[in-house]
Amino acid sequence: PFIITNRLSCICWSHDDQLIAVGS
């Protein structure tokens, strides 16, 4: 409903750089 919802995304990598976690 609001474009601000997608604006607040965040990223982190696993320590072996094999996986990427994204919160959106």
mmCIF file of all heavy atoms, coordinates in Angstrom:
data_MODEL
# 
_entry.id   MODEL 
# 
loop_
_atom_site.group_PDB 
_atom_site.id 
_atom_site.type_symbol 
_atom_site.label_atom_id 
_atom_site.label_alt_id 
_atom_site.label_comp_id 
_atom_site.label_asym_id 
_atom_site.label_entity_id 
_atom_site.label_seq_id 
_atom_site.pdbx_PDB_ins_code 
_atom_site.Cartn_x 
_atom_site.Cartn_y 
_atom_site.Cartn_z 
_atom_site.occupancy 
_atom_site.B_iso_or_equiv 
_atom_site.pdbx_formal_charge 
_atom_site.auth_seq_id 
_atom_site.auth_comp_id 
_atom_site.auth_asym_id 
_atom_site.auth_atom_id 
_atom_site.pdbx_PDB_model_num 
ATOM 1   N N   . PRO A 1 1  ? 0.810  -1.233  0.000  1.00 0.00 ? 1  PRO A N   1 
ATOM 2   C CA  . PRO A 1 1  ? 0.000  0.000   0.000  1.00 0.00 ? 1  PRO A CA  1 
ATOM 3   C C   . PRO A 1 1  ? 0.826  1.259   0.000  1.00 0.00 ? 1  PRO A C   1 
ATOM 4   O O   . PRO A 1 1  ? 0.362  2.292   -0.435 1.00 0.00 ? 1  PRO A O   1 
ATOM 5   C CB  . PRO A 1 1  ? -0.815 -0.125  1.300  1.00 0.00 ? 1  PRO A CB  1 
ATOM 6   C CG  . PRO A 1 1  ? 0.008  -1.028  2.177  1.00 0.00 ? 1  PRO A CG  1 
ATOM 7   C CD  . PRO A 1 1  ? 0.688  -1.978  1.249  1.00 0.00 ? 1  PRO A CD  1 
ATOM 8   N N   . PHE A 1 2  ? 2.071  1.192   0.497  1.00 0.00 ? 2  PHE A N   1 
ATOM 9   C CA  . PHE A 1 2  ? 2.899  2.389   0.571  1.00 0.00 ? 2  PHE A CA  1 
ATOM 10  C C   . PHE A 1 2  ? 4.262  2.068   -0.021 1.00 0.00 ? 2  PHE A C   1 
ATOM 11  O O   . PHE A 1 2  ? 4.840  1.024   0.243  1.00 0.00 ? 2  PHE A O   1 
ATOM 12  C CB  . PHE A 1 2  ? 3.049  2.857   2.021  1.00 0.00 ? 2  PHE A CB  1 
ATOM 13  C CG  . PHE A 1 2  ? 1.743  3.111   2.697  1.00 0.00 ? 2  PHE A CG  1 
ATOM 14  C CD1 . PHE A 1 2  ? 1.229  2.191   3.596  1.00 0.00 ? 2  PHE A CD1 1 
ATOM 15  C CD2 . PHE A 1 2  ? 1.014  4.258   2.432  1.00 0.00 ? 2  PHE A CD2 1 
ATOM 16  C CE1 . PHE A 1 2  ? 0.028  2.416   4.222  1.00 0.00 ? 2  PHE A CE1 1 
ATOM 17  C CE2 . PHE A 1 2  ? -0.191 4.491   3.060  1.00 0.00 ? 2  PHE A CE2 1 
ATOM 18  C CZ  . PHE A 1 2  ? -0.694 3.569   3.952  1.00 0.00 ? 2  PHE A CZ  1 
ATOM 19  N N   . ILE A 1 3  ? 4.796  2.987   -0.776 1.00 0.00 ? 3  ILE A N   1 
ATOM 20  C CA  . ILE A 1 3  ? 6.116  2.770   -1.365 1.00 0.00 ? 3  ILE A CA  1 
ATOM 21  C C   . ILE A 1 3  ? 7.206  2.747   -0.296 1.00 0.00 ? 3  ILE A C   1 
ATOM 22  O O   . ILE A 1 3  ? 8.256  2.147   -0.477 1.00 0.00 ? 3  ILE A O   1 
ATOM 23  C CB  . ILE A 1 3  ? 6.408  3.863   -2.416 1.00 0.00 ? 3  ILE A CB  1 
ATOM 24  C CG1 . ILE A 1 3  ? 7.654  3.495   -3.233 1.00 0.00 ? 3  ILE A CG1 1 
ATOM 25  C CG2 . ILE A 1 3  ? 6.622  5.209   -1.741 1.00 0.00 ? 3  ILE A CG2 1 
ATOM 26  C CD1 . ILE A 1 3  ? 7.881  4.395   -4.426 1.00 0.00 ? 3  ILE A CD1 1 
ATOM 27  N N   . ILE A 1 4  ? 6.918  3.360   0.864  1.00 0.00 ? 4  ILE A N   1 
ATOM 28  C CA  . ILE A 1 4  ? 7.902  3.364   1.939  1.00 0.00 ? 4  ILE A CA  1 
ATOM 29  C C   . ILE A 1 4  ? 8.181  1.954   2.431  1.00 0.00 ? 4  ILE A C   1 
ATOM 30  O O   . ILE A 1 4  ? 9.227  1.649   2.997  1.00 0.00 ? 4  ILE A O   1 
ATOM 31  C CB  . ILE A 1 4  ? 7.408  4.258   3.096  1.00 0.00 ? 4  ILE A CB  1 
ATOM 32  C CG1 . ILE A 1 4  ? 8.543  4.517   4.111  1.00 0.00 ? 4  ILE A CG1 1 
ATOM 33  C CG2 . ILE A 1 4  ? 6.239  3.625   3.820  1.00 0.00 ? 4  ILE A CG2 1 
ATOM 34  C CD1 . ILE A 1 4  ? 9.627  5.367   3.565  1.00 0.00 ? 4  ILE A CD1 1 
ATOM 35  N N   . THR A 1 5  ? 7.247  1.009   2.220  1.00 0.00 ? 5  THR A N   1 
ATOM 36  C CA  . THR A 1 5  ? 7.424  -0.363  2.661  1.00 0.00 ? 5  THR A CA  1 
ATOM 37  C C   . THR A 1 5  ? 8.646  -0.987  2.023  1.00 0.00 ? 5  THR A C   1 
ATOM 38  O O   . THR A 1 5  ? 9.431  -1.680  2.663  1.00 0.00 ? 5  THR A O   1 
ATOM 39  C CB  . THR A 1 5  ? 6.163  -1.186  2.328  1.00 0.00 ? 5  THR A CB  1 
ATOM 40  O OG1 . THR A 1 5  ? 5.045  -0.574  2.943  1.00 0.00 ? 5  THR A OG1 1 
ATOM 41  C CG2 . THR A 1 5  ? 6.305  -2.609  2.826  1.00 0.00 ? 5  THR A CG2 1 
ATOM 42  N N   . ASN A 1 6  ? 8.838  -0.789  0.735  1.00 0.00 ? 6  ASN A N   1 
ATOM 43  C CA  . ASN A 1 6  ? 9.974  -1.380  0.052  1.00 0.00 ? 6  ASN A CA  1 
ATOM 44  C C   . ASN A 1 6  ? 11.261 -0.590  0.286  1.00 0.00 ? 6  ASN A C   1 
ATOM 45  O O   . ASN A 1 6  ? 12.344 -1.090  0.047  1.00 0.00 ? 6  ASN A O   1 
ATOM 46  C CB  . ASN A 1 6  ? 9.701  -1.447  -1.454 1.00 0.00 ? 6  ASN A CB  1 
ATOM 47  C CG  . ASN A 1 6  ? 8.735  -2.560  -1.805 1.00 0.00 ? 6  ASN A CG  1 
ATOM 48  O OD1 . ASN A 1 6  ? 8.595  -3.511  -1.047 1.00 0.00 ? 6  ASN A OD1 1 
ATOM 49  N ND2 . ASN A 1 6  ? 8.068  -2.432  -2.933 1.00 0.00 ? 6  ASN A ND2 1 
ATOM 50  N N   . ARG A 1 7  ? 11.125 0.647   0.717  1.00 0.00 ? 7  ARG A N   1 
ATOM 51  C CA  . ARG A 1 7  ? 12.315 1.478   0.885  1.00 0.00 ? 7  ARG A CA  1 
ATOM 52  C C   . ARG A 1 7  ? 13.204 0.931   1.994  1.00 0.00 ? 7  ARG A C   1 
ATOM 53  O O   . ARG A 1 7  ? 14.420 1.007   1.926  1.00 0.00 ? 7  ARG A O   1 
ATOM 54  C CB  . ARG A 1 7  ? 11.881 2.913   1.199  1.00 0.00 ? 7  ARG A CB  1 
ATOM 55  C CG  . ARG A 1 7  ? 13.040 3.877   1.318  1.00 0.00 ? 7  ARG A CG  1 
ATOM 56  C CD  . ARG A 1 7  ? 12.522 5.261   1.656  1.00 0.00 ? 7  ARG A CD  1 
ATOM 57  N NE  . ARG A 1 7  ? 11.750 5.838   0.574  1.00 0.00 ? 7  ARG A NE  1 
ATOM 58  C CZ  . ARG A 1 7  ? 12.263 6.550   -0.428 1.00 0.00 ? 7  ARG A CZ  1 
ATOM 59  N NH1 . ARG A 1 7  ? 13.561 6.750   -0.489 1.00 0.00 ? 7  ARG A NH1 1 
ATOM 60  N NH2 . ARG A 1 7  ? 11.492 7.044   -1.364 1.00 0.00 ? 7  ARG A NH2 1 
ATOM 61  N N   . LEU A 1 8  ? 12.615 0.352   3.027  1.00 0.00 ? 8  LEU A N   1 
ATOM 62  C CA  . LEU A 1 8  ? 13.384 -0.105  4.163  1.00 0.00 ? 8  LEU A CA  1 
ATOM 63  C C   . LEU A 1 8  ? 13.806 -1.567  3.991  1.00 0.00 ? 8  LEU A C   1 
ATOM 64  O O   . LEU A 1 8  ? 13.306 -2.457  4.659  1.00 0.00 ? 8  LEU A O   1 
ATOM 65  C CB  . LEU A 1 8  ? 12.578 0.062   5.449  1.00 0.00 ? 8  LEU A CB  1 
ATOM 66  C CG  . LEU A 1 8  ? 12.320 1.498   5.868  1.00 0.00 ? 8  LEU A CG  1 
ATOM 67  C CD1 . LEU A 1 8  ? 11.326 1.550   7.009  1.00 0.00 ? 8  LEU A CD1 1 
ATOM 68  C CD2 . LEU A 1 8  ? 13.602 2.187   6.262  1.00 0.00 ? 8  LEU A CD2 1 
ATOM 69  N N   . SER A 1 9  ? 14.703 -1.813  3.078  1.00 0.00 ? 9  SER A N   1 
ATOM 70  C CA  . SER A 1 9  ? 15.247 -3.162  2.909  1.00 0.00 ? 9  SER A CA  1 
ATOM 71  C C   . SER A 1 9  ? 16.643 -3.213  3.513  1.00 0.00 ? 9  SER A C   1 
ATOM 72  O O   . SER A 1 9  ? 17.279 -2.187  3.739  1.00 0.00 ? 9  SER A O   1 
ATOM 73  C CB  . SER A 1 9  ? 15.292 -3.549  1.425  1.00 0.00 ? 9  SER A CB  1 
ATOM 74  O OG  . SER A 1 9  ? 16.138 -2.659  0.718  1.00 0.00 ? 9  SER A OG  1 
ATOM 75  N N   . CYS A 1 10 ? 17.105 -4.407  3.797  1.00 0.00 ? 10 CYS A N   1 
ATOM 76  C CA  . CYS A 1 10 ? 18.422 -4.589  4.398  1.00 0.00 ? 10 CYS A CA  1 
ATOM 77  C C   . CYS A 1 10 ? 19.014 -5.909  3.927  1.00 0.00 ? 10 CYS A C   1 
ATOM 78  O O   . CYS A 1 10 ? 18.293 -6.839  3.557  1.00 0.00 ? 10 CYS A O   1 
ATOM 79  C CB  . CYS A 1 10 ? 18.339 -4.531  5.924  1.00 0.00 ? 10 CYS A CB  1 
ATOM 80  S SG  . CYS A 1 10 ? 16.895 -5.350  6.612  1.00 0.00 ? 10 CYS A SG  1 
ATOM 81  N N   . ILE A 1 11 ? 20.355 -5.976  3.946  1.00 0.00 ? 11 ILE A N   1 
ATOM 82  C CA  . ILE A 1 11 ? 21.083 -7.121  3.390  1.00 0.00 ? 11 ILE A CA  1 
ATOM 83  C C   . ILE A 1 11 ? 22.149 -7.568  4.369  1.00 0.00 ? 11 ILE A C   1 
ATOM 84  O O   . ILE A 1 11 ? 22.739 -6.745  5.081  1.00 0.00 ? 11 ILE A O   1 
ATOM 85  C CB  . ILE A 1 11 ? 21.773 -6.763  2.050  1.00 0.00 ? 11 ILE A CB  1 
ATOM 86  C CG1 . ILE A 1 11 ? 20.802 -6.075  1.093  1.00 0.00 ? 11 ILE A CG1 1 
ATOM 87  C CG2 . ILE A 1 11 ? 22.372 -7.994  1.382  1.00 0.00 ? 11 ILE A CG2 1 
ATOM 88  C CD1 . ILE A 1 11 ? 21.476 -5.545  -0.158 1.00 0.00 ? 11 ILE A CD1 1 
ATOM 89  N N   . CYS A 1 12 ? 22.408 -8.871  4.405  1.00 0.00 ? 12 CYS A N   1 
ATOM 90  C CA  . CYS A 1 12 ? 23.593 -9.390  5.081  1.00 0.00 ? 12 CYS A CA  1 
ATOM 91  C C   . CYS A 1 12 ? 24.057 -10.664 4.369  1.00 0.00 ? 12 CYS A C   1 
ATOM 92  O O   . CYS A 1 12 ? 23.265 -11.361 3.741  1.00 0.00 ? 12 CYS A O   1 
ATOM 93  C CB  . CYS A 1 12 ? 23.326 -9.660  6.570  1.00 0.00 ? 12 CYS A CB  1 
ATOM 94  S SG  . CYS A 1 12 ? 22.106 -10.921 6.902  1.00 0.00 ? 12 CYS A SG  1 
ATOM 95  N N   . TRP A 1 13 ? 25.359 -10.940 4.464  1.00 0.00 ? 13 TRP A N   1 
ATOM 96  C CA  . TRP A 1 13 ? 25.985 -12.093 3.835  1.00 0.00 ? 13 TRP A CA  1 
ATOM 97  C C   . TRP A 1 13 ? 26.310 -13.151 4.880  1.00 0.00 ? 13 TRP A C   1 
ATOM 98  O O   . TRP A 1 13 ? 26.630 -12.822 6.028  1.00 0.00 ? 13 TRP A O   1 
ATOM 99  C CB  . TRP A 1 13 ? 27.284 -11.694 3.136  1.00 0.00 ? 13 TRP A CB  1 
ATOM 100 C CG  . TRP A 1 13 ? 27.141 -10.896 1.876  1.00 0.00 ? 13 TRP A CG  1 
ATOM 101 C CD1 . TRP A 1 13 ? 26.810 -9.576  1.783  1.00 0.00 ? 13 TRP A CD1 1 
ATOM 102 C CD2 . TRP A 1 13 ? 27.340 -11.347 0.539  1.00 0.00 ? 13 TRP A CD2 1 
ATOM 103 N NE1 . TRP A 1 13 ? 26.798 -9.177  0.478  1.00 0.00 ? 13 TRP A NE1 1 
ATOM 104 C CE2 . TRP A 1 13 ? 27.127 -10.249 -0.323 1.00 0.00 ? 13 TRP A CE2 1 
ATOM 105 C CE3 . TRP A 1 13 ? 27.703 -12.567 -0.033 1.00 0.00 ? 13 TRP A CE3 1 
ATOM 106 C CZ2 . TRP A 1 13 ? 27.250 -10.334 -1.693 1.00 0.00 ? 13 TRP A CZ2 1 
ATOM 107 C CZ3 . TRP A 1 13 ? 27.828 -12.661 -1.401 1.00 0.00 ? 13 TRP A CZ3 1 
ATOM 108 C CH2 . TRP A 1 13 ? 27.588 -11.561 -2.230 1.00 0.00 ? 13 TRP A CH2 1 
ATOM 109 N N   . SER A 1 14 ? 26.240 -14.430 4.457  1.00 0.00 ? 14 SER A N   1 
ATOM 110 C CA  . SER A 1 14 ? 26.773 -15.485 5.318  1.00 0.00 ? 14 SER A CA  1 
ATOM 111 C C   . SER A 1 14 ? 28.287 -15.346 5.355  1.00 0.00 ? 14 SER A C   1 
ATOM 112 O O   . SER A 1 14 ? 28.893 -14.747 4.459  1.00 0.00 ? 14 SER A O   1 
ATOM 113 C CB  . SER A 1 14 ? 26.371 -16.864 4.795  1.00 0.00 ? 14 SER A CB  1 
ATOM 114 O OG  . SER A 1 14 ? 26.919 -17.088 3.502  1.00 0.00 ? 14 SER A OG  1 
ATOM 115 N N   . HIS A 1 15 ? 28.933 -15.914 6.351  1.00 0.00 ? 15 HIS A N   1 
ATOM 116 C CA  . HIS A 1 15 ? 30.366 -15.699 6.531  1.00 0.00 ? 15 HIS A CA  1 
ATOM 117 C C   . HIS A 1 15 ? 31.206 -16.428 5.486  1.00 0.00 ? 15 HIS A C   1 
ATOM 118 O O   . HIS A 1 15 ? 32.371 -16.071 5.284  1.00 0.00 ? 15 HIS A O   1 
ATOM 119 C CB  . HIS A 1 15 ? 30.786 -16.103 7.944  1.00 0.00 ? 15 HIS A CB  1 
ATOM 120 C CG  . HIS A 1 15 ? 30.222 -15.208 9.002  1.00 0.00 ? 15 HIS A CG  1 
ATOM 121 N ND1 . HIS A 1 15 ? 30.792 -14.000 9.342  1.00 0.00 ? 15 HIS A ND1 1 
ATOM 122 C CD2 . HIS A 1 15 ? 29.113 -15.315 9.780  1.00 0.00 ? 15 HIS A CD2 1 
ATOM 123 C CE1 . HIS A 1 15 ? 30.074 -13.412 10.276 1.00 0.00 ? 15 HIS A CE1 1 
ATOM 124 N NE2 . HIS A 1 15 ? 29.043 -14.193 10.559 1.00 0.00 ? 15 HIS A NE2 1 
ATOM 125 N N   . ASP A 1 16 ? 30.642 -17.413 4.817  1.00 0.00 ? 16 ASP A N   1 
ATOM 126 C CA  . ASP A 1 16 ? 31.363 -18.074 3.718  1.00 0.00 ? 16 ASP A CA  1 
ATOM 127 C C   . ASP A 1 16 ? 31.032 -17.464 2.365  1.00 0.00 ? 16 ASP A C   1 
ATOM 128 O O   . ASP A 1 16 ? 31.477 -17.969 1.323  1.00 0.00 ? 16 ASP A O   1 
ATOM 129 C CB  . ASP A 1 16 ? 31.066 -19.570 3.712  1.00 0.00 ? 16 ASP A CB  1 
ATOM 130 C CG  . ASP A 1 16 ? 29.573 -19.868 3.562  1.00 0.00 ? 16 ASP A CG  1 
ATOM 131 O OD1 . ASP A 1 16 ? 28.773 -18.910 3.411  1.00 0.00 ? 16 ASP A OD1 1 
ATOM 132 O OD2 . ASP A 1 16 ? 29.201 -21.049 3.607  1.00 0.00 ? 16 ASP A OD2 1 
ATOM 133 N N   . ASP A 1 17 ? 30.236 -16.387 2.335  1.00 0.00 ? 17 ASP A N   1 
ATOM 134 C CA  . ASP A 1 17 ? 29.875 -15.655 1.109  1.00 0.00 ? 17 ASP A CA  1 
ATOM 135 C C   . ASP A 1 17 ? 29.085 -16.504 0.118  1.00 0.00 ? 17 ASP A C   1 
ATOM 136 O O   . ASP A 1 17 ? 29.038 -16.183 -1.074 1.00 0.00 ? 17 ASP A O   1 
ATOM 137 C CB  . ASP A 1 17 ? 31.127 -15.092 0.416  1.00 0.00 ? 17 ASP A CB  1 
ATOM 138 C CG  . ASP A 1 17 ? 31.733 -13.933 1.173  1.00 0.00 ? 17 ASP A CG  1 
ATOM 139 O OD1 . ASP A 1 17 ? 31.009 -13.323 1.984  1.00 0.00 ? 17 ASP A OD1 1 
ATOM 140 O OD2 . ASP A 1 17 ? 32.926 -13.642 0.966  1.00 0.00 ? 17 ASP A OD2 1 
ATOM 141 N N   . GLN A 1 18 ? 28.433 -17.550 0.587  1.00 0.00 ? 18 GLN A N   1 
ATOM 142 C CA  . GLN A 1 18 ? 27.651 -18.400 -0.299 1.00 0.00 ? 18 GLN A CA  1 
ATOM 143 C C   . GLN A 1 18 ? 26.175 -18.015 -0.334 1.00 0.00 ? 18 GLN A C   1 
ATOM 144 O O   . GLN A 1 18 ? 25.480 -18.302 -1.305 1.00 0.00 ? 18 GLN A O   1 
ATOM 145 C CB  . GLN A 1 18 ? 27.775 -19.875 0.134  1.00 0.00 ? 18 GLN A CB  1 
ATOM 146 C CG  . GLN A 1 18 ? 29.186 -20.426 0.076  1.00 0.00 ? 18 GLN A CG  1 
ATOM 147 C CD  . GLN A 1 18 ? 29.758 -20.374 -1.323 1.00 0.00 ? 18 GLN A CD  1 
ATOM 148 O OE1 . GLN A 1 18 ? 29.124 -20.808 -2.295 1.00 0.00 ? 18 GLN A OE1 1 
ATOM 149 N NE2 . GLN A 1 18 ? 30.968 -19.840 -1.440 1.00 0.00 ? 18 GLN A NE2 1 
ATOM 150 N N   . LEU A 1 19 ? 25.696 -17.349 0.710  1.00 0.00 ? 19 LEU A N   1 
ATOM 151 C CA  . LEU A 1 19 ? 24.280 -17.013 0.808  1.00 0.00 ? 19 LEU A CA  1 
ATOM 152 C C   . LEU A 1 19 ? 24.118 -15.529 1.117  1.00 0.00 ? 19 LEU A C   1 
ATOM 153 O O   . LEU A 1 19 ? 24.963 -14.917 1.777  1.00 0.00 ? 19 LEU A O   1 
ATOM 154 C CB  . LEU A 1 19 ? 23.596 -17.838 1.905  1.00 0.00 ? 19 LEU A CB  1 
ATOM 155 C CG  . LEU A 1 19 ? 23.639 -19.358 1.755  1.00 0.00 ? 19 LEU A CG  1 
ATOM 156 C CD1 . LEU A 1 19 ? 23.033 -20.026 2.984  1.00 0.00 ? 19 LEU A CD1 1 
ATOM 157 C CD2 . LEU A 1 19 ? 22.918 -19.812 0.492  1.00 0.00 ? 19 LEU A CD2 1 
ATOM 158 N N   . ILE A 1 20 ? 23.017 -14.964 0.621  1.00 0.00 ? 20 ILE A N   1 
ATOM 159 C CA  . ILE A 1 20 ? 22.672 -13.563 0.871  1.00 0.00 ? 20 ILE A CA  1 
ATOM 160 C C   . ILE A 1 20 ? 21.273 -13.525 1.470  1.00 0.00 ? 20 ILE A C   1 
ATOM 161 O O   . ILE A 1 20 ? 20.325 -14.059 0.877  1.00 0.00 ? 20 ILE A O   1 
ATOM 162 C CB  . ILE A 1 20 ? 22.708 -12.724 -0.415 1.00 0.00 ? 20 ILE A CB  1 
ATOM 163 C CG1 . ILE A 1 20 ? 24.067 -12.845 -1.108 1.00 0.00 ? 20 ILE A CG1 1 
ATOM 164 C CG2 . ILE A 1 20 ? 22.389 -11.270 -0.123 1.00 0.00 ? 20 ILE A CG2 1 
ATOM 165 C CD1 . ILE A 1 20 ? 24.104 -12.187 -2.471 1.00 0.00 ? 20 ILE A CD1 1 
ATOM 166 N N   . ALA A 1 21 ? 21.135 -12.897 2.630  1.00 0.00 ? 21 ALA A N   1 
ATOM 167 C CA  . ALA A 1 21 ? 19.822 -12.731 3.256  1.00 0.00 ? 21 ALA A CA  1 
ATOM 168 C C   . ALA A 1 21 ? 19.350 -11.301 3.024  1.00 0.00 ? 21 ALA A C   1 
ATOM 169 O O   . ALA A 1 21 ? 20.087 -10.349 3.278  1.00 0.00 ? 21 ALA A O   1 
ATOM 170 C CB  . ALA A 1 21 ? 19.896 -13.029 4.747  1.00 0.00 ? 21 ALA A CB  1 
ATOM 171 N N   . VAL A 1 22 ? 18.118 -11.171 2.540  1.00 0.00 ? 22 VAL A N   1 
ATOM 172 C CA  . VAL A 1 22 ? 17.545 -9.855  2.230  1.00 0.00 ? 22 VAL A CA  1 
ATOM 173 C C   . VAL A 1 22 ? 16.212 -9.735  2.953  1.00 0.00 ? 22 VAL A C   1 
ATOM 174 O O   . VAL A 1 22 ? 15.346 -10.603 2.829  1.00 0.00 ? 22 VAL A O   1 
ATOM 175 C CB  . VAL A 1 22 ? 17.344 -9.666  0.716  1.00 0.00 ? 22 VAL A CB  1 
ATOM 176 C CG1 . VAL A 1 22 ? 16.663 -8.327  0.433  1.00 0.00 ? 22 VAL A CG1 1 
ATOM 177 C CG2 . VAL A 1 22 ? 18.666 -9.761  -0.018 1.00 0.00 ? 22 VAL A CG2 1 
ATOM 178 N N   . GLY A 1 23 ? 16.073 -8.658  3.731  1.00 0.00 ? 23 GLY A N   1 
ATOM 179 C CA  . GLY A 1 23 ? 14.802 -8.361  4.367  1.00 0.00 ? 23 GLY A CA  1 
ATOM 180 C C   . GLY A 1 23 ? 14.124 -7.223  3.643  1.00 0.00 ? 23 GLY A C   1 
ATOM 181 O O   . GLY A 1 23 ? 14.653 -6.121  3.554  1.00 0.00 ? 23 GLY A O   1 
ATOM 182 N N   . SER A 1 24 ? 12.953 -7.490  3.107  1.00 0.00 ? 24 SER A N   1 
ATOM 183 C CA  . SER A 1 24 ? 12.200 -6.480  2.372  1.00 0.00 ? 24 SER A CA  1 
ATOM 184 C C   . SER A 1 24 ? 10.745 -6.574  2.785  1.00 0.00 ? 24 SER A C   1 
ATOM 185 O O   . SER A 1 24 ? 10.156 -7.663  2.759  1.00 0.00 ? 24 SER A O   1 
ATOM 186 C CB  . SER A 1 24 ? 12.340 -6.693  0.862  1.00 0.00 ? 24 SER A CB  1 
ATOM 187 O OG  . SER A 1 24 ? 11.622 -5.716  0.142  1.00 0.00 ? 24 SER A OG  1 
# 
